[in-house]
Protein backbone atom coordinates (compact mmCIF):
# COMPACT_ATOMS: atom_id res chain seq x y z
CA MET A 1 82.26 118.89 134.43
CA ILE A 2 80.98 120.17 131.09
CA ILE A 3 78.16 118.24 129.43
CA ILE A 4 77.76 118.54 125.65
CA GLY A 5 74.57 117.49 123.88
CA VAL A 6 75.26 116.31 120.34
CA LEU A 7 72.79 115.94 117.50
CA SER A 8 72.89 115.83 113.73
CA ASP A 9 70.84 115.36 110.60
CA THR A 10 67.61 116.88 111.89
CA HIS A 11 66.50 117.77 108.34
CA LEU A 12 63.82 120.20 109.52
CA LEU A 13 62.56 123.27 107.71
CA GLU A 14 61.18 124.49 111.05
CA PRO A 15 61.42 122.94 114.51
CA ASP A 16 58.05 121.27 115.17
CA ILE A 17 56.37 120.56 118.51
CA TRP A 18 57.82 117.02 118.68
CA PHE A 19 61.36 118.28 118.12
CA ARG A 20 61.03 121.10 120.65
CA GLU A 21 59.65 118.74 123.29
CA LYS A 22 62.18 115.94 122.77
CA ALA A 23 65.16 118.29 122.47
CA GLY A 24 64.06 120.06 125.64
CA ILE A 25 64.01 116.77 127.54
CA CYS A 26 67.12 115.16 126.02
CA PHE A 27 69.35 118.22 126.38
CA ALA A 28 67.94 119.73 129.59
CA ASP A 29 71.09 119.02 131.62
CA THR A 30 73.63 120.04 128.98
CA ASP A 31 75.91 123.07 129.03
CA MET A 32 76.61 123.12 125.29
CA ILE A 33 75.01 121.89 122.10
CA PHE A 34 76.92 120.61 119.06
CA HIS A 35 74.89 120.20 115.86
CA ALA A 36 76.88 118.24 113.26
CA GLY A 37 75.07 119.53 110.20
CA ASP A 38 72.05 118.96 108.00
CA LEU A 39 69.93 121.13 110.24
CA THR A 40 68.42 122.31 106.94
CA SER A 41 67.18 125.51 108.62
CA LEU A 42 68.94 127.77 111.10
CA SER A 43 65.69 128.01 113.08
CA VAL A 44 66.46 124.54 114.49
CA LEU A 45 69.13 126.18 116.64
CA ASP A 46 66.58 128.55 118.22
CA VAL A 47 65.36 125.63 120.34
CA PHE A 48 68.65 125.82 122.26
CA ALA A 49 68.42 129.48 123.29
CA GLY A 50 70.31 130.06 126.52
CA LYS A 51 72.93 127.39 125.80
CA THR A 52 76.29 127.71 124.07
CA VAL A 53 75.66 126.33 120.58
CA HIS A 54 78.21 125.23 117.98
CA ALA A 55 76.97 124.10 114.57
CA VAL A 56 78.23 123.36 111.08
CA HIS A 57 76.36 123.06 107.81
CA GLY A 58 75.81 119.80 105.97
CA ASN A 59 75.25 118.73 102.40
CA MET A 60 71.45 119.14 102.66
CA CYS A 61 71.52 122.69 104.04
CA GLY A 62 70.26 125.56 101.92
CA PRO A 63 72.31 128.58 100.84
CA ARG A 64 71.44 130.74 103.88
CA THR A 65 72.53 128.03 106.31
CA ARG A 66 75.68 127.30 104.29
CA ASP A 67 76.57 130.98 104.20
CA THR A 68 76.03 131.36 107.96
CA LEU A 69 77.65 128.21 109.34
CA PRO A 70 81.14 126.87 108.62
CA ALA A 71 81.79 123.45 107.09
CA SER A 72 83.87 122.53 110.13
CA LYS A 73 85.27 124.07 113.27
CA ILE A 74 87.59 123.27 116.16
CA ILE A 75 86.21 123.89 119.64
CA GLU A 76 88.25 123.88 122.83
CA VAL A 77 86.39 122.46 125.81
CA GLY A 78 88.46 122.41 128.97
CA ASN A 79 91.78 120.75 128.14
CA PHE A 80 90.44 119.07 125.00
CA ARG A 81 90.14 119.97 121.32
CA LEU A 82 87.07 118.75 119.46
CA ALA A 83 86.44 118.93 115.72
CA LEU A 84 82.85 119.47 114.59
CA VAL A 85 82.08 118.57 110.98
CA HIS A 86 79.23 117.06 109.01
CA GLY A 87 81.21 114.75 106.76
CA ALA A 88 80.43 114.16 103.12
CA GLY A 89 80.84 111.81 100.24
CA TYR A 90 80.71 108.06 100.46
CA LEU A 91 79.52 106.61 103.74
CA TYR A 92 82.25 104.00 103.95
CA ASN A 93 85.67 104.98 105.34
CA ILE A 94 84.27 108.27 106.61
CA GLU A 95 86.15 107.92 109.91
CA ASP A 96 89.44 107.28 108.08
CA ARG A 97 88.92 110.39 105.96
CA LEU A 98 87.96 112.60 108.90
CA PHE A 99 90.88 111.35 110.99
CA ASP A 100 93.28 112.17 108.12
CA VAL A 101 91.94 115.75 108.02
CA PHE A 102 91.75 116.55 111.73
CA ALA A 103 94.38 114.44 113.56
CA PRO A 104 95.91 115.04 115.98
CA ILE A 105 92.71 115.91 117.87
CA ASP A 106 90.97 114.59 120.97
CA CYS A 107 87.50 114.11 119.48
CA ILE A 108 85.81 114.26 116.09
CA VAL A 109 82.05 114.86 116.12
CA TYR A 110 80.43 114.18 112.75
CA GLY A 111 77.13 113.27 111.10
CA HIS A 112 76.04 112.45 107.54
CA THR A 113 75.70 108.66 107.86
CA HIS A 114 72.71 108.66 110.26
CA LYS A 115 74.49 105.78 112.04
CA PRO A 116 75.26 106.36 115.72
CA VAL A 117 78.91 105.79 116.63
CA CYS A 118 80.84 106.37 119.82
CA ARG A 119 84.23 104.70 119.91
CA ARG A 120 87.94 105.29 120.01
CA TYR A 121 89.83 105.56 116.76
CA GLY A 122 93.35 105.29 118.11
CA PRO A 123 93.63 108.14 120.62
CA THR A 124 90.66 110.03 119.15
CA LEU A 125 87.08 109.73 120.33
CA MET A 126 84.79 109.48 117.29
CA VAL A 127 81.18 110.52 117.90
CA ASN A 128 78.35 110.40 115.39
CA PRO A 129 75.03 110.94 117.15
CA GLY A 130 73.03 109.44 114.28
CA SER A 131 69.93 111.35 113.21
CA PHE A 132 67.82 112.90 115.96
CA THR A 133 64.69 112.79 113.78
CA ALA A 134 65.26 109.61 111.71
CA THR A 135 67.07 107.09 113.94
CA GLY A 136 65.99 108.83 117.14
CA THR A 137 69.50 108.99 118.55
CA TYR A 138 71.80 111.61 120.01
CA ALA A 139 75.01 111.68 122.02
CA ILE A 140 76.18 113.13 125.30
CA ILE A 141 79.86 113.95 125.79
CA LYS A 142 81.09 114.59 129.33
CA VAL A 143 84.32 116.52 129.77
CA ASP A 144 86.21 117.12 132.99
CA GLU A 145 89.78 118.26 133.57
CA GLN A 146 91.38 114.93 132.75
CA SER A 147 88.88 112.86 130.77
CA MET A 148 86.30 112.92 128.05
CA GLU A 149 83.70 110.24 127.46
CA GLY A 150 80.81 109.91 125.07
CA ARG A 151 77.66 107.85 124.96
CA ILE A 152 74.85 107.30 122.46
CA HIS A 153 71.29 107.73 123.74
CA HIS A 154 67.92 106.80 122.22
CA ILE A 155 65.11 109.33 122.40
CA GLY A 156 62.49 106.71 123.22
CA LYS A 157 64.43 105.64 126.30
CA THR A 158 65.06 109.20 127.47
CA ALA A 159 62.11 111.34 126.47
């Protein structure tokens, strides 16, 4: 089984002690990290040294982060294809718009709204971890050979 830790919208110029501590606890048992944008600074990803990290930029990221990270990417995990994107524009209908861009795909991981979501949109698993620093939420996606499931977690109940 592969365990993916998912976070988004950290909006940090530098990872502070709180972030380092909570991320270390929340993602201790994960194999991979997906950051769905609005890291603001690339240094946020340094907290996950030793793990496979996939990240995209968001609308609040500065030029260096935008130049370094893609706007979206497709990642193959086991037998599944996952899209990683921040999302942009109006907050309503964001899932419809993302599905139109990426379908057919097994999972779309996105951010931008700061609202945690983990549900099926037809055959596609839609996962928005919310904001790790604002709403205090993140997601865990578990992938094995035949299934993929996601779940929203709250930092206060985990760390």
